[in-house]
Structure formats: C-alpha cells, structure tokens
C-alpha cells in the first residue's frame, strides 16, 4: 500500500507525455518505488533555491522531478531533462 499519493500538475503531465515511452516507464516505476517507501523524502534532495517551483527533487537518470509535499501527496510540478529543468 502506498504511503503517499502521486498527483501531477497538468503542465507536469504534459511534460511527462512528451517523453519517450521507455523514459516514461522508468520514471513511473521509480515514482511508484518512492511512494511505497515509509519516507519518500529520504530519497529526495531539498531544493536550495527557493525561487524555483518546488521544495524537493528526485533524480531519475538524466531526468529531474521537481515536487512539493502536501499532506500525504507528492505534487509533481516539473518533469524535465537535467539540462533544461533549472532554466527560468
């Protein structure tokens, strides 16, 4: 039973849909792994720059998942390649 629920912001869902099927599957599998852990934030990095969208990030291969936590939900804000995610 997942300890957290994954919720995609519509813009993050669009970013995810633009990725290749293999990459989507890899990211989905890893996100499911994280939400089944007692504390998914153990695998996350707290964002140092408060001007960016989210509070935390996951690293999945060359992709970064920027997210916030609200109650027991991981709210996915961005899904992008590492070269693009931090640009404003």
PDB file of N, CA and C in Angstrom:
ATOM      1  N   UNK A   1       0.839  -1.185   0.000  1.00  0.00           N
ATOM      2  CA  UNK A   1       0.000   0.000   0.000  1.00  0.00           C
ATOM      3  C   UNK A   1       0.881   1.245   0.000  1.00  0.00           C
ATOM      4  N   UNK A   2       0.675   2.150  -0.948  1.00  0.00           N
ATOM      5  CA  UNK A   2       1.492   3.370  -0.992  1.00  0.00           C
ATOM      6  C   UNK A   2       1.274   4.228   0.249  1.00  0.00           C
ATOM      7  N   UNK A   3       2.350   4.824   0.725  1.00  0.00           N
ATOM      8  CA  UNK A   3       2.242   5.723   1.867  1.00  0.00           C
ATOM      9  C   UNK A   3       1.911   7.134   1.414  1.00  0.00           C
ATOM     10  N   UNK A   4       2.185   7.446   0.166  1.00  0.00           N
ATOM     11  CA  UNK A   4       1.894   8.752  -0.420  1.00  0.00           C
ATOM     12  C   UNK A   4       1.149   8.554  -1.726  1.00  0.00           C
ATOM     13  N   UNK A   5       0.464   9.597  -2.169  1.00  0.00           N
ATOM     14  CA  UNK A   5      -0.233   9.578  -3.451  1.00  0.00           C
ATOM     15  C   UNK A   5       0.511  10.509  -4.399  1.00  0.00           C
ATOM     16  N   UNK A   6       0.604  10.137  -5.675  1.00  0.00           N
ATOM     17  CA  UNK A   6       1.245  10.968  -6.694  1.00  0.00           C
ATOM     18  C   UNK A   6       0.175  11.769  -7.412  1.00  0.00           C
ATOM     19  N   UNK A   7       0.367  13.091  -7.472  1.00  0.00           N
ATOM     20  CA  UNK A   7      -0.554  13.980  -8.182  1.00  0.00           C
ATOM     21  C   UNK A   7       0.279  14.823  -9.131  1.00  0.00           C
ATOM     22  N   UNK A   8      -0.031  14.754 -10.417  1.00  0.00           N
ATOM     23  CA  UNK A   8       0.672  15.552 -11.421  1.00  0.00           C
ATOM     24  C   UNK A   8      -0.057  16.861 -11.657  1.00  0.00           C
ATOM     25  N   UNK A   9       0.670  17.957 -11.625  1.00  0.00           N
ATOM     26  CA  UNK A   9       0.142  19.239 -12.084  1.00  0.00           C
ATOM     27  C   UNK A   9      -0.056  19.081 -13.599  1.00  0.00           C
ATOM     28  N   UNK A  10      -1.083  19.687 -14.211  1.00  0.00           N
ATOM     29  CA  UNK A  10      -1.316  19.496 -15.650  1.00  0.00           C
ATOM     30  C   UNK A  10      -0.094  19.781 -16.524  1.00  0.00           C
ATOM     31  N   UNK A  11       0.671  20.809 -16.198  1.00  0.00           N
ATOM     32  CA  UNK A  11       1.863  21.114 -17.004  1.00  0.00           C
ATOM     33  C   UNK A  11       2.918  20.014 -16.866  1.00  0.00           C
ATOM     34  N   UNK A  12       3.039  19.424 -15.687  1.00  0.00           N
ATOM     35  CA  UNK A  12       3.988  18.323 -15.482  1.00  0.00           C
ATOM     36  C   UNK A  12       3.523  17.073 -16.236  1.00  0.00           C
ATOM     37  N   UNK A  13       2.213  16.860 -16.281  1.00  0.00           N
ATOM     38  CA  UNK A  13       1.685  15.715 -17.030  1.00  0.00           C
ATOM     39  C   UNK A  13       1.992  15.863 -18.514  1.00  0.00           C
ATOM     40  N   UNK A  14       1.882  17.088 -19.045  1.00  0.00           N
ATOM     41  CA  UNK A  14       2.222  17.342 -20.447  1.00  0.00           C
ATOM     42  C   UNK A  14       3.700  17.065 -20.700  1.00  0.00           C
ATOM     43  N   UNK A  15       4.559  17.517 -19.772  1.00  0.00           N
ATOM     44  CA  UNK A  15       5.995  17.268 -19.909  1.00  0.00           C
ATOM     45  C   UNK A  15       6.275  15.768 -19.918  1.00  0.00           C
ATOM     46  N   UNK A  16       5.604  15.038 -19.055  1.00  0.00           N
ATOM     47  CA  UNK A  16       5.776  13.588 -18.976  1.00  0.00           C
ATOM     48  C   UNK A  16       5.317  12.927 -20.277  1.00  0.00           C
ATOM     49  N   UNK A  17       4.190  13.385 -20.818  1.00  0.00           N
ATOM     50  CA  UNK A  17       3.643  12.790 -22.036  1.00  0.00           C
ATOM     51  C   UNK A  17       4.542  13.013 -23.250  1.00  0.00           C
ATOM     52  N   UNK A  18       5.351  14.067 -23.223  1.00  0.00           N
ATOM     53  CA  UNK A  18       6.249  14.355 -24.349  1.00  0.00           C
ATOM     54  C   UNK A  18       7.483  13.455 -24.360  1.00  0.00           C
ATOM     55  N   UNK A  19       7.751  12.784 -23.266  1.00  0.00           N
ATOM     56  CA  UNK A  19       8.930  11.917 -23.184  1.00  0.00           C
ATOM     57  C   UNK A  19       8.681  10.609 -23.922  1.00  0.00           C
ATOM     58  N   UNK A  20       9.753   9.919 -24.250  1.00  0.00           N
ATOM     59  CA  UNK A  20       9.632   8.612 -24.890  1.00  0.00           C
ATOM     60  C   UNK A  20       9.005   7.603 -23.938  1.00  0.00           C
ATOM     61  N   UNK A  21       8.427   6.566 -24.493  1.00  0.00           N
ATOM     62  CA  UNK A  21       7.719   5.562 -23.702  1.00  0.00           C
ATOM     63  C   UNK A  21       8.649   4.901 -22.682  1.00  0.00           C
ATOM     64  N   UNK A  22       9.856   4.567 -23.092  1.00  0.00           N
ATOM     65  CA  UNK A  22      10.814   3.921 -22.185  1.00  0.00           C
ATOM     66  C   UNK A  22      11.143   4.836 -21.012  1.00  0.00           C
ATOM     67  N   UNK A  23      11.351   6.110 -21.282  1.00  0.00           N
ATOM     68  CA  UNK A  23      11.654   7.074 -20.223  1.00  0.00           C
ATOM     69  C   UNK A  23      10.458   7.246 -19.298  1.00  0.00           C
ATOM     70  N   UNK A  24       9.262   7.327 -19.871  1.00  0.00           N
ATOM     71  CA  UNK A  24       8.044   7.433 -19.052  1.00  0.00           C
ATOM     72  C   UNK A  24       7.923   6.248 -18.110  1.00  0.00           C
ATOM     73  N   UNK A  25       8.174   5.046 -18.642  1.00  0.00           N
ATOM     74  CA  UNK A  25       8.060   3.843 -17.822  1.00  0.00           C
ATOM     75  C   UNK A  25       9.090   3.838 -16.700  1.00  0.00           C
ATOM     76  N   UNK A  26      10.315   4.266 -17.008  1.00  0.00           N
ATOM     77  CA  UNK A  26      11.368   4.302 -15.996  1.00  0.00           C
ATOM     78  C   UNK A  26      11.003   5.275 -14.878  1.00  0.00           C
ATOM     79  N   UNK A  27      10.507   6.451 -15.254  1.00  0.00           N
ATOM     80  CA  UNK A  27      10.131   7.459 -14.259  1.00  0.00           C
ATOM     81  C   UNK A  27       8.943   6.969 -13.424  1.00  0.00           C
ATOM     82  N   UNK A  28       7.935   6.406 -14.079  1.00  0.00           N
ATOM     83  CA  UNK A  28       6.750   5.912 -13.365  1.00  0.00           C
ATOM     84  C   UNK A  28       7.125   4.807 -12.378  1.00  0.00           C
ATOM     85  N   UNK A  29       7.986   3.905 -12.813  1.00  0.00           N
ATOM     86  CA  UNK A  29       8.407   2.802 -11.947  1.00  0.00           C
ATOM     87  C   UNK A  29       9.138   3.330 -10.713  1.00  0.00           C
ATOM     88  N   UNK A  30      10.004   4.306 -10.918  1.00  0.00           N
ATOM     89  CA  UNK A  30      10.769   4.860  -9.804  1.00  0.00           C
ATOM     90  C   UNK A  30       9.867   5.665  -8.863  1.00  0.00           C
ATOM     91  N   UNK A  31       8.921   6.423  -9.414  1.00  0.00           N
ATOM     92  CA  UNK A  31       7.988   7.166  -8.561  1.00  0.00           C
ATOM     93  C   UNK A  31       7.147   6.211  -7.716  1.00  0.00           C
ATOM     94  N   UNK A  32       6.725   5.099  -8.312  1.00  0.00           N
ATOM     95  CA  UNK A  32       5.967   4.104  -7.546  1.00  0.00           C
ATOM     96  C   UNK A  32       6.822   3.498  -6.435  1.00  0.00           C
ATOM     97  N   UNK A  33       8.097   3.267  -6.725  1.00  0.00           N
ATOM     98  CA  UNK A  33       9.011   2.785  -5.693  1.00  0.00           C
ATOM     99  C   UNK A  33       9.058   3.782  -4.527  1.00  0.00           C
ATOM    100  N   UNK A  34       9.210   5.071  -4.860  1.00  0.00           N
ATOM    101  CA  UNK A  34       9.317   6.099  -3.821  1.00  0.00           C
ATOM    102  C   UNK A  34       8.065   6.160  -2.947  1.00  0.00           C
ATOM    103  N   UNK A  35       6.877   6.141  -3.547  1.00  0.00           N
ATOM    104  CA  UNK A  35       5.648   6.285  -2.750  1.00  0.00           C
ATOM    105  C   UNK A  35       5.341   5.055  -1.913  1.00  0.00           C
ATOM    106  N   UNK A  36       5.975   3.930  -2.200  1.00  0.00           N
ATOM    107  CA  UNK A  36       5.783   2.740  -1.381  1.00  0.00           C
ATOM    108  C   UNK A  36       6.765   2.669  -0.215  1.00  0.00           C
ATOM    109  N   UNK A  37       7.653   3.622  -0.117  1.00  0.00           N
ATOM    110  CA  UNK A  37       8.606   3.670   0.990  1.00  0.00           C
ATOM    111  C   UNK A  37       7.968   4.384   2.184  1.00  0.00           C
ATOM    112  N   UNK A  38       8.401   4.058   3.401  1.00  0.00           N
ATOM    113  CA  UNK A  38       7.850   4.743   4.576  1.00  0.00           C
ATOM    114  C   UNK A  38       8.079   6.258   4.536  1.00  0.00           C
ATOM    115  N   UNK A  39       9.232   6.684   4.009  1.00  0.00           N
ATOM    116  CA  UNK A  39       9.527   8.112   3.909  1.00  0.00           C
ATOM    117  C   UNK A  39      10.185   8.400   2.561  1.00  0.00           C
ATOM    118  N   UNK A  40       9.387   8.770   1.544  1.00  0.00           N
ATOM    119  CA  UNK A  40       9.954   9.040   0.220  1.00  0.00           C
ATOM    120  C   UNK A  40      10.936  10.208   0.213  1.00  0.00           C
ATOM    121  N   UNK A  41      10.809  11.119   1.152  1.00  0.00           N
ATOM    122  CA  UNK A  41      11.710  12.270   1.189  1.00  0.00           C
ATOM    123  C   UNK A  41      13.139  11.873   1.526  1.00  0.00           C
ATOM    124  N   UNK A  42      13.312  10.669   2.009  1.00  0.00           N
ATOM    125  CA  UNK A  42      14.653  10.141   2.266  1.00  0.00           C
ATOM    126  C   UNK A  42      15.454  10.051   0.960  1.00  0.00           C
ATOM    127  N   UNK A  43      14.757   9.878  -0.155  1.00  0.00           N
ATOM    128  CA  UNK A  43      15.393   9.751  -1.471  1.00  0.00           C
ATOM    129  C   UNK A  43      15.434  11.078  -2.227  1.00  0.00           C
ATOM    130  N   UNK A  44      14.847  12.109  -1.668  1.00  0.00           N
ATOM    131  CA  UNK A  44      14.746  13.404  -2.338  1.00  0.00           C
ATOM    132  C   UNK A  44      15.845  14.340  -1.854  1.00  0.00           C
ATOM    133  N   UNK A  45      16.070  15.366  -2.657  1.00  0.00           N
ATOM    134  CA  UNK A  45      17.014  16.429  -2.290  1.00  0.00           C
ATOM    135  C   UNK A  45      16.203  17.696  -2.093  1.00  0.00           C
ATOM    136  N   UNK A  46      16.408  18.349  -0.964  1.00  0.00           N
ATOM    137  CA  UNK A  46      15.720  19.618  -0.704  1.00  0.00           C
ATOM    138  C   UNK A  46      16.345  20.679  -1.598  1.00  0.00           C
ATOM    139  N   UNK A  47      15.502  21.448  -2.277  1.00  0.00           N
ATOM    140  CA  UNK A  47      15.979  22.466  -3.200  1.00  0.00           C
ATOM    141  C   UNK A  47      16.543  23.650  -2.420  1.00  0.00           C
ATOM    142  N   UNK A  48      17.734  24.082  -2.804  1.00  0.00           N
ATOM    143  CA  UNK A  48      18.393  25.194  -2.115  1.00  0.00           C
ATOM    144  C   UNK A  48      17.826  26.535  -2.568  1.00  0.00           C
ATOM    145  N   UNK A  49      17.487  26.659  -3.839  1.00  0.00           N
ATOM    146  CA  UNK A  49      16.998  27.914  -4.392  1.00  0.00           C
ATOM    147  C   UNK A  49      15.487  27.991  -4.213  1.00  0.00           C
ATOM    148  N   UNK A  50      15.037  28.835  -3.318  1.00  0.00           N
ATOM    149  CA  UNK A  50      13.603  28.920  -3.032  1.00  0.00           C
ATOM    150  C   UNK A  50      12.811  29.579  -4.161  1.00  0.00           C
ATOM    151  N   UNK A  51      13.506  30.169  -5.145  1.00  0.00           N
ATOM    152  CA  UNK A  51      12.808  30.790  -6.270  1.00  0.00           C
ATOM    153  C   UNK A  51      12.285  29.764  -7.270  1.00  0.00           C
ATOM    154  N   UNK A  52      12.807  28.546  -7.221  1.00  0.00           N
ATOM    155  CA  UNK A  52      12.320  27.509  -8.122  1.00  0.00           C
ATOM    156  C   UNK A  52      10.949  27.036  -7.655  1.00  0.00           C
ATOM    157  N   UNK A  53      10.265  26.327  -8.524  1.00  0.00           N
ATOM    158  CA  UNK A  53       8.885  25.940  -8.254  1.00  0.00           C
ATOM    159  C   UNK A  53       8.697  25.083  -7.004  1.00  0.00           C
ATOM    160  N   UNK A  54       9.461  24.019  -6.879  1.00  0.00           N
ATOM    161  CA  UNK A  54       9.193  23.066  -5.814  1.00  0.00           C
ATOM    162  C   UNK A  54      10.187  23.099  -4.680  1.00  0.00           C
ATOM    163  N   UNK A  55       9.860  22.356  -3.657  1.00  0.00           N
ATOM    164  CA  UNK A  55      10.714  22.268  -2.487  1.00  0.00           C
ATOM    165  C   UNK A  55      11.728  21.133  -2.589  1.00  0.00           C
ATOM    166  N   UNK A  56      11.396  20.094  -3.356  1.00  0.00           N
ATOM    167  CA  UNK A  56      12.223  18.893  -3.425  1.00  0.00           C
ATOM    168  C   UNK A  56      12.420  18.461  -4.866  1.00  0.00           C
ATOM    169  N   UNK A  57      13.419  17.563  -5.061  1.00  0.00           N
ATOM    170  CA  UNK A  57      13.603  16.966  -6.379  1.00  0.00           C
ATOM    171  C   UNK A  57      14.041  15.515  -6.228  1.00  0.00           C
ATOM    172  N   UNK A  58      13.627  14.713  -7.189  1.00  0.00           N
ATOM    173  CA  UNK A  58      14.129  13.350  -7.352  1.00  0.00           C
ATOM    174  C   UNK A  58      15.015  13.348  -8.584  1.00  0.00           C
ATOM    175  N   UNK A  59      16.055  12.550  -8.555  1.00  0.00           N
ATOM    176  CA  UNK A  59      16.903  12.343  -9.723  1.00  0.00           C
ATOM    177  C   UNK A  59      16.607  10.946 -10.242  1.00  0.00           C
ATOM    178  N   UNK A  60      16.172  10.866 -11.489  1.00  0.00           N
ATOM    179  CA  UNK A  60      15.891   9.578 -12.127  1.00  0.00           C
ATOM    180  C   UNK A  60      16.646   9.575 -13.443  1.00  0.00           C
ATOM    181  N   UNK A  61      17.827   8.990 -13.432  1.00  0.00           N
ATOM    182  CA  UNK A  61      18.688   9.006 -14.611  1.00  0.00           C
ATOM    183  C   UNK A  61      19.066  10.434 -14.942  1.00  0.00           C
ATOM    184  N   UNK A  62      18.854  10.842 -16.189  1.00  0.00           N
ATOM    185  CA  UNK A  62      19.157  12.201 -16.623  1.00  0.00           C
ATOM    186  C   UNK A  62      17.975  13.153 -16.408  1.00  0.00           C
ATOM    187  N   UNK A  63      16.920  12.669 -15.786  1.00  0.00           N
ATOM    188  CA  UNK A  63      15.723  13.485 -15.582  1.00  0.00           C
ATOM    189  C   UNK A  63      15.586  13.888 -14.125  1.00  0.00           C
ATOM    190  N   UNK A  64      14.958  15.047 -13.927  1.00  0.00           N
ATOM    191  CA  UNK A  64      14.712  15.558 -12.592  1.00  0.00           C
ATOM    192  C   UNK A  64      13.217  15.771 -12.426  1.00  0.00           C
ATOM    193  N   UNK A  65      12.718  15.404 -11.268  1.00  0.00           N
ATOM    194  CA  UNK A  65      11.320  15.554 -10.929  1.00  0.00           C
ATOM    195  C   UNK A  65      11.260  16.577  -9.791  1.00  0.00           C
ATOM    196  N   UNK A  66      10.695  17.739 -10.059  1.00  0.00           N
ATOM    197  CA  UNK A  66      10.546  18.770  -9.042  1.00  0.00           C
ATOM    198  C   UNK A  66       9.147  18.611  -8.445  1.00  0.00           C
ATOM    199  N   UNK A  67       9.062  18.596  -7.113  1.00  0.00           N
ATOM    200  CA  UNK A  67       7.768  18.361  -6.484  1.00  0.00           C
ATOM    201  C   UNK A  67       7.668  19.055  -5.132  1.00  0.00           C
ATOM    202  N   UNK A  68       6.444  19.159  -4.658  1.00  0.00           N
ATOM    203  CA  UNK A  68       6.120  19.626  -3.318  1.00  0.00           C
ATOM    204  C   UNK A  68       5.402  18.499  -2.596  1.00  0.00           C
ATOM    205  N   UNK A  69       5.350  18.613  -1.288  1.00  0.00           N
ATOM    206  CA  UNK A  69       4.616  17.644  -0.478  1.00  0.00           C
ATOM    207  C   UNK A  69       3.510  18.395   0.250  1.00  0.00           C
ATOM    208  N   UNK A  70       2.302  17.871   0.113  1.00  0.00           N
ATOM    209  CA  UNK A  70       1.160  18.447   0.824  1.00  0.00           C
ATOM    210  C   UNK A  70       0.379  17.296   1.427  1.00  0.00           C
ATOM    211  N   UNK A  71       0.374  17.267   2.729  1.00  0.00           N
ATOM    212  CA  UNK A  71      -0.207  16.158   3.480  1.00  0.00           C
ATOM    213  C   UNK A  71       0.463  14.867   3.025  1.00  0.00           C
ATOM    214  N   UNK A  72      -0.252  13.920   2.502  1.00  0.00           N
ATOM    215  CA  UNK A  72       0.341  12.649   2.055  1.00  0.00           C
ATOM    216  C   UNK A  72       0.366  12.575   0.526  1.00  0.00           C
ATOM    217  N   UNK A  73       0.562  13.720  -0.126  1.00  0.00           N
ATOM    218  CA  UNK A  73       0.601  13.775  -1.590  1.00  0.00           C
ATOM    219  C   UNK A  73       1.934  14.328  -2.061  1.00  0.00           C
ATOM    220  N   UNK A  74       2.497  13.686  -3.081  1.00  0.00           N
ATOM    221  CA  UNK A  74       3.642  14.238  -3.803  1.00  0.00           C
ATOM    222  C   UNK A  74       3.064  14.949  -5.018  1.00  0.00           C
ATOM    223  N   UNK A  75       3.144  16.252  -5.035  1.00  0.00           N
ATOM    224  CA  UNK A  75       2.581  17.038  -6.133  1.00  0.00           C
ATOM    225  C   UNK A  75       3.708  17.327  -7.115  1.00  0.00           C
ATOM    226  N   UNK A  76       3.671  16.635  -8.254  1.00  0.00           N
ATOM    227  CA  UNK A  76       4.710  16.737  -9.267  1.00  0.00           C
ATOM    228  C   UNK A  76       4.501  18.026 -10.052  1.00  0.00           C
ATOM    229  N   UNK A  77       5.528  18.892 -10.030  1.00  0.00           N
ATOM    230  CA  UNK A  77       5.430  20.198 -10.675  1.00  0.00           C
ATOM    231  C   UNK A  77       6.154  20.256 -12.018  1.00  0.00           C
ATOM    232  N   UNK A  78       7.272  19.558 -12.126  1.00  0.00           N
ATOM    233  CA  UNK A  78       8.058  19.559 -13.366  1.00  0.00           C
ATOM    234  C   UNK A  78       8.696  18.192 -13.577  1.00  0.00           C
ATOM    235  N   UNK A  79       8.767  17.784 -14.843  1.00  0.00           N
ATOM    236  CA  UNK A  79       9.473  16.569 -15.255  1.00  0.00           C
ATOM    237  C   UNK A  79      10.271  16.950 -16.487  1.00  0.00           C
ATOM    238  N   UNK A  80      11.593  17.125 -16.308  1.00  0.00           N
ATOM    239  CA  UNK A  80      12.414  17.556 -17.438  1.00  0.00           C
ATOM    240  C   UNK A  80      13.820  16.966 -17.349  1.00  0.00           C
ATOM    241  N   UNK A  81      14.498  17.047 -18.476  1.00  0.00           N
ATOM    242  CA  UNK A  81      15.898  16.635 -18.545  1.00  0.00           C
ATOM    243  C   UNK A  81      16.727  17.563 -17.674  1.00  0.00           C
ATOM    244  N   UNK A  82      17.815  17.075 -17.146  1.00  0.00           N
ATOM    245  CA  UNK A  82      18.631  17.860 -16.209  1.00  0.00           C
ATOM    246  C   UNK A  82      19.203  19.125 -16.827  1.00  0.00           C
ATOM    247  N   UNK A  83      19.412  19.141 -18.136  1.00  0.00           N
ATOM    248  CA  UNK A  83      19.967  20.345 -18.773  1.00  0.00           C
ATOM    249  C   UNK A  83      18.933  21.463 -18.896  1.00  0.00           C
ATOM    250  N   UNK A  84      17.645  21.123 -18.812  1.00  0.00           N
ATOM    251  CA  UNK A  84      16.586  22.099 -19.016  1.00  0.00           C
ATOM    252  C   UNK A  84      15.834  22.513 -17.740  1.00  0.00           C
ATOM    253  N   UNK A  85      15.853  21.701 -16.736  1.00  0.00           N
ATOM    254  CA  UNK A  85      14.943  21.889 -15.606  1.00  0.00           C
ATOM    255  C   UNK A  85      15.207  23.140 -14.780  1.00  0.00           C
ATOM    256  N   UNK A  86      16.441  23.567 -14.683  1.00  0.00           N
ATOM    257  CA  UNK A  86      16.757  24.684 -13.796  1.00  0.00           C
ATOM    258  C   UNK A  86      16.746  26.039 -14.515  1.00  0.00           C
ATOM    259  N   UNK A  87      16.491  26.022 -15.817  1.00  0.00           N
ATOM    260  CA  UNK A  87      16.440  27.278 -16.563  1.00  0.00           C
ATOM    261  C   UNK A  87      15.108  27.975 -16.289  1.00  0.00           C
ATOM    262  N   UNK A  88      15.141  29.273 -16.272  1.00  0.00           N
ATOM    263  CA  UNK A  88      13.916  30.040 -15.991  1.00  0.00           C
ATOM    264  C   UNK A  88      13.295  30.533 -17.256  1.00  0.00           C
TER     265      UNK A  88
END
